[in-house]
C-alpha atoms as a PDB file:
ATOM      1  CA  MET A   1     -65.103  22.785  -1.944  1.00  0.00           C
ATOM      2  CA  ARG A   2     -65.068  23.646  -5.482  1.00  0.00           C
ATOM      3  CA  VAL A   3     -63.408  21.130  -6.750  1.00  0.00           C
ATOM      4  CA  ARG A   4     -65.907  19.058  -4.438  1.00  0.00           C
ATOM      5  CA  SER A   5     -68.965  20.675  -6.577  1.00  0.00           C
ATOM      6  CA  MET A   6     -67.034  20.121  -9.622  1.00  0.00           C
ATOM      7  CA  LEU A   7     -66.603  16.769  -9.503  1.00  0.00           C
ATOM      8  CA  GLY A   8     -70.187  16.214  -8.334  1.00  0.00           C
ATOM      9  CA  ALA A   9     -71.391  17.958 -11.237  1.00  0.00           C
ATOM     10  CA  ALA A  10     -69.679  15.672 -13.175  1.00  0.00           C
ATOM     11  CA  LEU A  11     -70.945  12.805 -11.745  1.00  0.00           C
ATOM     12  CA  LEU A  12     -74.543  13.920 -11.704  1.00  0.00           C
ATOM     13  CA  GLY A  13     -74.331  14.464 -15.505  1.00  0.00           C
ATOM     14  CA  MET A  14     -72.381  11.431 -16.261  1.00  0.00           C
ATOM     15  CA  THR A  15     -74.254   8.642 -14.372  1.00  0.00           C
ATOM     16  CA  MET A  16     -78.199   9.898 -14.820  1.00  0.00           C
ATOM     17  CA  THR A  17     -80.973  11.509 -17.716  1.00  0.00           C
ATOM     18  CA  ALA A  18     -83.812  12.189 -17.443  1.00  0.00           C
ATOM     19  CA  SER A  19     -85.137   8.450 -18.197  1.00  0.00           C
ATOM     20  CA  ALA A  20     -81.731   6.634 -18.082  1.00  0.00           C
ATOM     21  CA  ALA A  21     -80.964   4.268 -15.603  1.00  0.00           C
ATOM     22  CA  PRO A  22     -77.071   4.781 -13.459  1.00  0.00           C
ATOM     23  CA  ASN A  23     -74.597   3.069 -15.464  1.00  0.00           C
ATOM     24  CA  LEU A  24     -72.397   1.612 -12.923  1.00  0.00           C
ATOM     25  CA  ALA A  25     -69.709   1.359 -14.896  1.00  0.00           C
ATOM     26  CA  GLU A  26     -69.337   4.559 -15.511  1.00  0.00           C
ATOM     27  CA  ILE A  27     -69.810   5.448 -11.489  1.00  0.00           C
ATOM     28  CA  LEU A  28     -67.201   3.098 -11.709  1.00  0.00           C
ATOM     29  CA  ALA A  29     -64.387   5.213 -13.341  1.00  0.00           C
ATOM     30  CA  GLY A  30     -66.215   8.052 -11.820  1.00  0.00           C
ATOM     31  CA  PRO A  31     -64.136  10.893 -10.136  1.00  0.00           C
ATOM     32  CA  GLN A  32     -65.780  10.262  -6.438  1.00  0.00           C
ATOM     33  CA  ARG A  33     -63.162   7.198  -6.868  1.00  0.00           C
ATOM     34  CA  SER A  34     -59.480   7.846  -5.937  1.00  0.00           C
ATOM     35  CA  ALA A  35     -56.734   6.112  -8.290  1.00  0.00           C
ATOM     36  CA  GLU A  36     -55.470   3.988  -5.432  1.00  0.00           C
ATOM     37  CA  ASN A  37     -59.450   2.256  -4.363  1.00  0.00           C
ATOM     38  CA  ARG A  38     -59.955   2.187  -8.700  1.00  0.00           C
ATOM     39  CA  ALA A  39     -56.921   0.174  -8.675  1.00  0.00           C
ATOM     40  CA  ARG A  40     -58.101  -2.343  -5.996  1.00  0.00           C
ATOM     41  CA  ASP A  41     -60.852  -3.089  -8.777  1.00  0.00           C
ATOM     42  CA  VAL A  42     -59.221  -6.389  -9.738  1.00  0.00           C
ATOM     43  CA  TYR A  43     -59.509  -8.256  -6.620  1.00  0.00           C
ATOM     44  CA  ARG A  44     -62.206  -7.448  -5.434  1.00  0.00           C
ATOM     45  CA  HIS A  45     -64.763  -7.098  -8.665  1.00  0.00           C
ATOM     46  CA  PRO A  46     -67.205  -4.905  -7.862  1.00  0.00           C
ATOM     47  CA  ALA A  47     -68.973  -4.901 -11.278  1.00  0.00           C
ATOM     48  CA  GLU A  48     -69.083  -8.885 -10.960  1.00  0.00           C
ATOM     49  CA  THR A  49     -69.859  -8.709  -7.282  1.00  0.00           C
ATOM     50  CA  LEU A  50     -72.621  -6.448  -7.951  1.00  0.00           C
ATOM     51  CA  ALA A  51     -74.152  -8.427 -10.457  1.00  0.00           C
ATOM     52  CA  PHE A  52     -74.158 -11.594  -8.944  1.00  0.00           C
ATOM     53  CA  PHE A  53     -75.906 -10.472  -5.858  1.00  0.00           C
ATOM     54  CA  GLY A  54     -78.945  -8.530  -7.897  1.00  0.00           C
ATOM     55  CA  LEU A  55     -77.690  -4.676  -7.688  1.00  0.00           C
ATOM     56  CA  LYS A  56     -80.541  -2.931  -9.267  1.00  0.00           C
ATOM     57  CA  PRO A  57     -81.731   0.648  -9.447  1.00  0.00           C
ATOM     58  CA  GLY A  58     -84.653   1.711  -6.929  1.00  0.00           C
ATOM     59  CA  GLN A  59     -83.665  -1.146  -4.953  1.00  0.00           C
ATOM     60  CA  HIS A  60     -83.229  -0.402  -0.846  1.00  0.00           C
ATOM     61  CA  VAL A  61     -79.137  -1.653  -0.252  1.00  0.00           C
ATOM     62  CA  VAL A  62     -78.337  -1.814   2.871  1.00  0.00           C
ATOM     63  CA  GLU A  63     -74.258  -2.175   3.368  1.00  0.00           C
ATOM     64  CA  VAL A  64     -72.729  -3.867   6.741  1.00  0.00           C
ATOM     65  CA  TRP A  65     -69.756  -1.917   8.618  1.00  0.00           C
ATOM     66  CA  PRO A  66     -68.669   0.175   5.300  1.00  0.00           C
ATOM     67  CA  GLY A  67     -65.632   0.940   6.936  1.00  0.00           C
ATOM     68  CA  ALA A  68     -64.057   3.966   5.005  1.00  0.00           C
ATOM     69  CA  GLY A  69     -66.687   3.711   2.264  1.00  0.00           C
ATOM     70  CA  TRP A  70     -64.973   1.550  -0.655  1.00  0.00           C
ATOM     71  CA  TYR A  71     -68.360   0.476  -2.125  1.00  0.00           C
ATOM     72  CA  ALA A  72     -69.851   3.174  -0.497  1.00  0.00           C
ATOM     73  CA  GLU A  73     -68.659   5.509  -2.992  1.00  0.00           C
ATOM     74  CA  ILE A  74     -69.813   2.939  -5.312  1.00  0.00           C
ATOM     75  CA  LEU A  75     -73.487   2.332  -4.297  1.00  0.00           C
ATOM     76  CA  ALA A  76     -74.592   5.592  -3.047  1.00  0.00           C
ATOM     77  CA  PRO A  77     -74.387   7.000  -6.563  1.00  0.00           C
ATOM     78  CA  TYR A  78     -75.493   4.167  -8.419  1.00  0.00           C
ATOM     79  CA  LEU A  79     -79.002   4.909  -5.791  1.00  0.00           C
ATOM     80  CA  ARG A  80     -78.081   8.327  -5.835  1.00  0.00           C
ATOM     81  CA  GLU A  81     -81.623   9.211  -8.259  1.00  0.00           C
ATOM     82  CA  SER A  82     -83.188   6.019  -7.666  1.00  0.00           C
ATOM     83  CA  GLY A  83     -83.185   4.019  -4.466  1.00  0.00           C
ATOM     84  CA  GLN A  84     -81.987   4.241  -1.160  1.00  0.00           C
ATOM     85  CA  TYR A  85     -78.747   3.641  -0.087  1.00  0.00           C
ATOM     86  CA  THR A  86     -78.260   2.289   4.153  1.00  0.00           C
ATOM     87  CA  ALA A  87     -74.336   2.438   5.864  1.00  0.00           C
ATOM     88  CA  ALA A  88     -75.191   0.115   9.106  1.00  0.00           C
ATOM     89  CA  ALA A  89     -71.741   1.306  10.392  1.00  0.00           C
ATOM     90  CA  PHE A  90     -69.884   0.615  13.703  1.00  0.00           C
ATOM     91  CA  VAL A  91     -71.840   1.403  16.791  1.00  0.00           C
ATOM     92  CA  VAL A  92     -70.122   4.423  18.249  1.00  0.00           C
ATOM     93  CA  LYS A  93     -72.214   5.127  21.020  1.00  0.00           C
ATOM     94  CA  GLY A  94     -70.523   4.202  24.606  1.00  0.00           C
ATOM     95  CA  SER A  95     -67.657   5.091  26.818  1.00  0.00           C
ATOM     96  CA  ASP A  96     -65.760   2.389  25.627  1.00  0.00           C
ATOM     97  CA  VAL A  97     -66.074   2.615  21.662  1.00  0.00           C
ATOM     98  CA  PRO A  98     -62.364   3.240  19.729  1.00  0.00           C
ATOM     99  CA  GLN A  99     -61.305   6.217  18.280  1.00  0.00           C
ATOM    100  CA  TRP A 100     -61.103   5.009  15.007  1.00  0.00           C
ATOM    101  CA  ARG A 101     -64.181   3.079  14.537  1.00  0.00           C
ATOM    102  CA  ILE A 102     -65.692   7.240  15.549  1.00  0.00           C
ATOM    103  CA  ASP A 103     -63.567   8.777  13.142  1.00  0.00           C
ATOM    104  CA  SER A 104     -64.643   6.615  10.272  1.00  0.00           C
ATOM    105  CA  VAL A 105     -68.049   6.748  11.025  1.00  0.00           C
ATOM    106  CA  ALA A 106     -67.724  10.715  11.178  1.00  0.00           C
ATOM    107  CA  GLY A 107     -65.584  10.839   8.281  1.00  0.00           C
ATOM    108  CA  LEU A 108     -68.338   8.385   5.670  1.00  0.00           C
ATOM    109  CA  ARG A 109     -70.905  11.311   7.164  1.00  0.00           C
ATOM    110  CA  ALA A 110     -68.897  14.199   5.952  1.00  0.00           C
ATOM    111  CA  ARG A 111     -68.371  12.912   2.675  1.00  0.00           C
ATOM    112  CA  PHE A 112     -71.771  12.390   2.622  1.00  0.00           C
ATOM    113  CA  GLU A 113     -73.302  16.240   3.510  1.00  0.00           C
ATOM    114  CA  ALA A 114     -70.252  17.760   1.576  1.00  0.00           C
ATOM    115  CA  GLU A 115     -71.469  16.231  -1.879  1.00  0.00           C
ATOM    116  CA  PRO A 116     -74.969  15.696  -1.770  1.00  0.00           C
ATOM    117  CA  ALA A 117     -74.419  15.915  -5.841  1.00  0.00           C
ATOM    118  CA  VAL A 118     -72.735  12.318  -5.820  1.00  0.00           C
ATOM    119  CA  PHE A 119     -74.289  10.575  -2.269  1.00  0.00           C
ATOM    120  CA  GLY A 120     -77.529  11.886  -2.319  1.00  0.00           C
ATOM    121  CA  ASN A 121     -78.802  11.763   0.914  1.00  0.00           C
ATOM    122  CA  PRO A 122     -78.094   8.314   2.457  1.00  0.00           C
ATOM    123  CA  GLU A 123     -78.884   7.033   5.552  1.00  0.00           C
ATOM    124  CA  ILE A 124     -76.663   5.939   8.502  1.00  0.00           C
ATOM    125  CA  THR A 125     -77.711   3.417  11.311  1.00  0.00           C
ATOM    126  CA  GLU A 126     -75.866   0.841  13.361  1.00  0.00           C
ATOM    127  CA  VAL A 127     -75.340  -2.695  13.892  1.00  0.00           C
ATOM    128  CA  GLY A 128     -73.312  -4.269  16.878  1.00  0.00           C
ATOM    129  CA  LEU A 129     -72.716  -4.367  20.173  1.00  0.00           C
ATOM    130  CA  PRO A 130     -73.565  -3.943  22.780  1.00  0.00           C
ATOM    131  CA  GLU A 131     -77.125  -4.065  22.018  1.00  0.00           C
ATOM    132  CA  ALA A 132     -77.712  -2.681  18.159  1.00  0.00           C
ATOM    133  CA  TRP A 133     -79.353  -5.222  16.469  1.00  0.00           C
ATOM    134  CA  THR A 134     -81.254  -2.988  13.641  1.00  0.00           C
ATOM    135  CA  ALA A 135     -79.598  -2.575  10.770  1.00  0.00           C
ATOM    136  CA  ALA A 136     -82.515  -0.775   9.166  1.00  0.00           C
ATOM    137  CA  GLN A 137     -86.184  -0.745   9.294  1.00  0.00           C
ATOM    138  CA  PRO A 138     -87.330  -4.476  10.006  1.00  0.00           C
ATOM    139  CA  GLY A 139     -88.373  -5.375   6.325  1.00  0.00           C
ATOM    140  CA  SER A 140     -87.419  -2.651   4.069  1.00  0.00           C
ATOM    141  CA  ALA A 141     -83.530  -4.073   2.548  1.00  0.00           C
ATOM    142  CA  ASP A 142     -84.251  -5.578  -0.989  1.00  0.00           C
ATOM    143  CA  LEU A 143     -79.809  -6.288  -0.553  1.00  0.00           C
ATOM    144  CA  VAL A 144     -78.071  -6.659   2.560  1.00  0.00           C
ATOM    145  CA  LEU A 145     -74.312  -6.676   1.273  1.00  0.00           C
ATOM    146  CA  THR A 146     -70.836  -7.123   4.174  1.00  0.00           C
ATOM    147  CA  PHE A 147     -67.937  -7.062   2.826  1.00  0.00           C
ATOM    148  CA  ARG A 148     -64.820  -8.980   5.052  1.00  0.00           C
ATOM    149  CA  ASN A 149     -66.727  -8.416   8.302  1.00  0.00           C
ATOM    150  CA  VAL A 150     -68.063 -11.950   9.327  1.00  0.00           C
ATOM    151  CA  HIS A 151     -64.523 -12.678  11.068  1.00  0.00           C
ATOM    152  CA  ASN A 152     -64.862  -9.626  13.276  1.00  0.00           C
ATOM    153  CA  TRP A 153     -68.198 -10.646  14.224  1.00  0.00           C
ATOM    154  CA  LEU A 154     -67.074 -14.197  15.008  1.00  0.00           C
ATOM    155  CA  LYS A 155     -64.051 -12.501  17.530  1.00  0.00           C
ATOM    156  CA  GLY A 156     -66.450 -11.022  19.159  1.00  0.00           C
ATOM    157  CA  ASP A 157     -68.608 -13.936  18.846  1.00  0.00           C
ATOM    158  CA  PHE A 158     -71.852 -11.456  17.975  1.00  0.00           C
ATOM    159  CA  GLU A 159     -71.997 -12.833  14.289  1.00  0.00           C
ATOM    160  CA  ARG A 160     -74.964 -14.858  14.531  1.00  0.00           C
ATOM    161  CA  ARG A 161     -76.745 -11.818  16.090  1.00  0.00           C
ATOM    162  CA  MET A 162     -76.014  -9.871  13.003  1.00  0.00           C
ATOM    163  CA  PHE A 163     -77.439 -12.292  10.536  1.00  0.00           C
ATOM    164  CA  LYS A 164     -80.109 -11.905  12.213  1.00  0.00           C
ATOM    165  CA  ALA A 165     -80.392  -8.420  12.430  1.00  0.00           C
ATOM    166  CA  PHE A 166     -79.937  -9.355   8.696  1.00  0.00           C
ATOM    167  CA  TYR A 167     -82.666 -11.460   8.090  1.00  0.00           C
ATOM    168  CA  LYS A 168     -85.006  -9.038  10.228  1.00  0.00           C
ATOM    169  CA  ALA A 169     -83.836  -5.530   7.515  1.00  0.00           C
ATOM    170  CA  LEU A 170     -84.692  -7.310   4.571  1.00  0.00           C
ATOM    171  CA  LYS A 171     -88.157  -8.200   2.706  1.00  0.00           C
ATOM    172  CA  PRO A 172     -88.837 -11.711   1.913  1.00  0.00           C
ATOM    173  CA  GLY A 173     -87.693 -12.470  -0.949  1.00  0.00           C
ATOM    174  CA  GLY A 174     -84.698 -10.220  -0.167  1.00  0.00           C
ATOM    175  CA  VAL A 175     -80.735 -11.439  -0.658  1.00  0.00           C
ATOM    176  CA  LEU A 176     -78.506 -11.478   1.399  1.00  0.00           C
ATOM    177  CA  GLY A 177     -75.160 -10.835  -0.146  1.00  0.00           C
ATOM    178  CA  VAL A 178     -71.069 -12.108   1.720  1.00  0.00           C
ATOM    179  CA  VAL A 179     -67.847 -11.746   0.772  1.00  0.00           C
ATOM    180  CA  GLU A 180     -65.279 -13.032   2.958  1.00  0.00           C
ATOM    181  CA  HIS A 181     -61.650 -13.828   3.487  1.00  0.00           C
ATOM    182  CA  ARG A 182     -62.217 -17.713   2.655  1.00  0.00           C
ATOM    183  CA  ALA A 183     -60.324 -20.317   5.289  1.00  0.00           C
ATOM    184  CA  ARG A 184     -59.680 -23.830   4.125  1.00  0.00           C
ATOM    185  CA  PRO A 185     -62.029 -26.476   5.144  1.00  0.00           C
ATOM    186  CA  GLY A 186     -61.751 -28.057   8.172  1.00  0.00           C
ATOM    187  CA  THR A 187     -60.076 -24.778   9.552  1.00  0.00           C
ATOM    188  CA  SER A 188     -60.203 -24.545  13.412  1.00  0.00           C
ATOM    189  CA  LEU A 189     -62.421 -21.819  15.140  1.00  0.00           C
ATOM    190  CA  GLU A 190     -59.262 -20.773  16.939  1.00  0.00           C
ATOM    191  CA  LYS A 191     -57.143 -20.876  13.954  1.00  0.00           C
ATOM    192  CA  MET A 192     -60.262 -18.699  11.918  1.00  0.00           C
ATOM    193  CA  ILE A 193     -60.605 -15.878  14.418  1.00  0.00           C
ATOM    194  CA  SER A 194     -56.511 -15.511  14.431  1.00  0.00           C
ATOM    195  CA  SER A 195     -56.450 -15.196  10.624  1.00  0.00           C
ATOM    196  CA  GLY A 196     -58.907 -13.757  10.140  1.00  0.00           C
ATOM    197  CA  TYR A 197     -60.000 -16.286   7.302  1.00  0.00           C
ATOM    198  CA  VAL A 198     -63.058 -18.009   7.865  1.00  0.00           C
ATOM    199  CA  THR A 199     -64.933 -21.026   6.062  1.00  0.00           C
ATOM    200  CA  GLU A 200     -68.034 -21.498   3.884  1.00  0.00           C
ATOM    201  CA  ALA A 201     -69.446 -24.115   5.962  1.00  0.00           C
ATOM    202  CA  LEU A 202     -69.015 -21.908   8.631  1.00  0.00           C
ATOM    203  CA  VAL A 203     -70.518 -18.598   7.300  1.00  0.00           C
ATOM    204  CA  ILE A 204     -73.533 -20.743   5.484  1.00  0.00           C
ATOM    205  CA  GLU A 205     -74.360 -22.657   8.875  1.00  0.00           C
ATOM    206  CA  ARG A 206     -74.867 -19.207  10.401  1.00  0.00           C
ATOM    207  CA  ALA A 207     -76.889 -17.410   7.838  1.00  0.00           C
ATOM    208  CA  GLU A 208     -78.971 -20.915   7.450  1.00  0.00           C
ATOM    209  CA  SER A 209     -79.189 -20.415  11.194  1.00  0.00           C
ATOM    210  CA  ALA A 210     -80.831 -17.243  11.475  1.00  0.00           C
ATOM    211  CA  GLY A 211     -83.751 -18.224   8.863  1.00  0.00           C
ATOM    212  CA  PHE A 212     -81.343 -17.750   5.395  1.00  0.00           C
ATOM    213  CA  LYS A 213     -81.161 -20.315   2.487  1.00  0.00           C
ATOM    214  CA  LEU A 214     -78.271 -20.595   0.389  1.00  0.00           C
ATOM    215  CA  GLU A 215     -78.904 -19.809  -3.016  1.00  0.00           C
ATOM    216  CA  ALA A 216     -75.571 -19.844  -5.083  1.00  0.00           C
ATOM    217  CA  ARG A 217     -71.752 -19.924  -5.123  1.00  0.00           C
ATOM    218  CA  SER A 218     -69.495 -17.231  -7.070  1.00  0.00           C
ATOM    219  CA  GLU A 219     -65.810 -17.573  -7.459  1.00  0.00           C
ATOM    220  CA  ILE A 220     -65.591 -13.912  -8.643  1.00  0.00           C
ATOM    221  CA  ASN A 221     -63.467 -13.404  -5.919  1.00  0.00           C
ATOM    222  CA  ALA A 222     -61.510 -16.232  -5.739  1.00  0.00           C
ATOM    223  CA  ASN A 223     -57.542 -16.070  -5.330  1.00  0.00           C
ATOM    224  CA  ALA A 224     -55.949 -19.516  -6.292  1.00  0.00           C
ATOM    225  CA  LYS A 225     -52.240 -17.713  -5.233  1.00  0.00           C
ATOM    226  CA  ASP A 226     -53.184 -17.345  -1.875  1.00  0.00           C
ATOM    227  CA  SER A 227     -52.114 -20.082   0.665  1.00  0.00           C
ATOM    228  CA  THR A 228     -54.113 -18.524   3.361  1.00  0.00           C
ATOM    229  CA  ASP A 229     -51.142 -19.551   5.598  1.00  0.00           C
ATOM    230  CA  HIS A 230     -49.067 -16.179   6.524  1.00  0.00           C
ATOM    231  CA  PRO A 231     -47.495 -15.255   9.265  1.00  0.00           C
ATOM    232  CA  GLU A 232     -49.552 -12.542  10.715  1.00  0.00           C
ATOM    233  CA  GLY A 233     -52.464 -14.139   8.795  1.00  0.00           C
ATOM    234  CA  VAL A 234     -54.995 -12.073   6.201  1.00  0.00           C
ATOM    235  CA  TRP A 235     -53.095  -8.726   6.966  1.00  0.00           C
ATOM    236  CA  THR A 236     -50.019 -10.632   6.371  1.00  0.00           C
ATOM    237  CA  LEU A 237     -50.867  -9.920   2.171  1.00  0.00           C
ATOM    238  CA  PRO A 238     -52.413  -6.324   0.643  1.00  0.00           C
ATOM    239  CA  PRO A 239     -53.720  -3.956   0.953  1.00  0.00           C
ATOM    240  CA  THR A 240     -52.744  -4.076   4.809  1.00  0.00           C
ATOM    241  CA  LEU A 241     -49.253  -6.227   4.636  1.00  0.00           C
ATOM    242  CA  ARG A 242     -48.374  -6.124   8.516  1.00  0.00           C
ATOM    243  CA  LEU A 243     -44.646  -7.237   7.559  1.00  0.00           C
ATOM    244  CA  GLY A 244     -43.483  -4.077   6.209  1.00  0.00           C
ATOM    245  CA  ASP A 245     -40.902  -4.791   3.631  1.00  0.00           C
ATOM    246  CA  GLN A 246     -40.412  -8.341   4.901  1.00  0.00           C
ATOM    247  CA  ASP A 247     -41.252 -10.781   1.697  1.00  0.00           C
ATOM    248  CA  ARG A 248     -43.215  -7.248   0.595  1.00  0.00           C
ATOM    249  CA  ALA A 249     -42.527  -8.718  -3.061  1.00  0.00           C
ATOM    250  CA  LYS A 250     -43.731 -12.405  -1.995  1.00  0.00           C
ATOM    251  CA  TYR A 251     -47.230 -10.564  -1.130  1.00  0.00           C
ATOM    252  CA  VAL A 252     -47.651  -8.308  -3.063  1.00  0.00           C
ATOM    253  CA  ALA A 253     -47.242 -11.156  -5.557  1.00  0.00           C
ATOM    254  CA  ILE A 254     -49.912 -13.094  -4.156  1.00  0.00           C
ATOM    255  CA  GLY A 255     -52.378  -9.696  -4.215  1.00  0.00           C
ATOM    256  CA  GLU A 256     -55.312  -9.971  -1.864  1.00  0.00           C
ATOM    257  CA  SER A 257     -56.997 -12.660  -0.402  1.00  0.00           C
ATOM    258  CA  ASP A 258     -59.016 -15.733  -1.550  1.00  0.00           C
ATOM    259  CA  ARG A 259     -62.527 -14.912  -1.059  1.00  0.00           C
ATOM    260  CA  MET A 260     -65.642 -16.970  -0.620  1.00  0.00           C
ATOM    261  CA  THR A 261     -68.577 -14.777  -2.558  1.00  0.00           C
ATOM    262  CA  LEU A 262     -72.334 -16.305  -1.874  1.00  0.00           C
ATOM    263  CA  ARG A 263     -75.811 -15.221  -1.989  1.00  0.00           C
ATOM    264  CA  PHE A 264     -77.920 -16.186   0.534  1.00  0.00           C
ATOM    265  CA  VAL A 265     -81.822 -15.513   0.314  1.00  0.00           C
ATOM    266  CA  LYS A 266     -84.330 -14.503   2.729  1.00  0.00           C
ATOM    267  CA  PRO A 267     -87.606 -17.372   2.310  1.00  0.00           C
ATOM    268  CA  ALA A 268     -90.595 -15.355   0.488  1.00  0.00           C
ATOM    269  CA  ARG A 269     -92.256 -17.384   2.626  1.00  0.00           C
END
């Protein structure tokens, strides 16, 4: 606990003064992030991605299915003093919930509670099957962000309900930011589900059917080395490397997946 409190104090003094806005660059380099997580910045480009989505102090930002908290440990400290971070996590109620989901949400909650000087007071909600479709208080969010999740919802055939939940959570004029593994145009739905790569056309159609308007696209998270055609789909590549040592050097050289980065807006009227 002594180590945690020292880290919290260091970050507290580093990221905020009485009159200064949070410094994202310093948070990205902060002690709350592991060396392993920082090493992935070269593939995930958090500073550029969050700037593209319009992250600002004072916002209410909802991150959907934050998993182990890779982006949570950036967003929650950034919004700690000015704003609100909501983790719209996996649904963990019910008798058939996988244990790994329960453990994931419990781990995220425990970390937030152990380091309030770093993370402030994030909110944790649930969104997804079977019937949890309120990611945040309706009309409260400035930004809803999702990173590499659409393929999971597609596999479960509930992606349309997720996009509707995001629309409901956002204020008029609010932004939905989507990063997703990108399939080649014309890829079949069956192949998307099995590979984890999704076409931009499908993501745009699903978002627009929920009421969103596509505002901008970015190639921030593109990877021209990724053919998207791998034996174990996207999980062939880092960080999963599902084939183990088989052709490991080849897949490490490719790096993480080619990704779309899309910004949608909920119309003001």
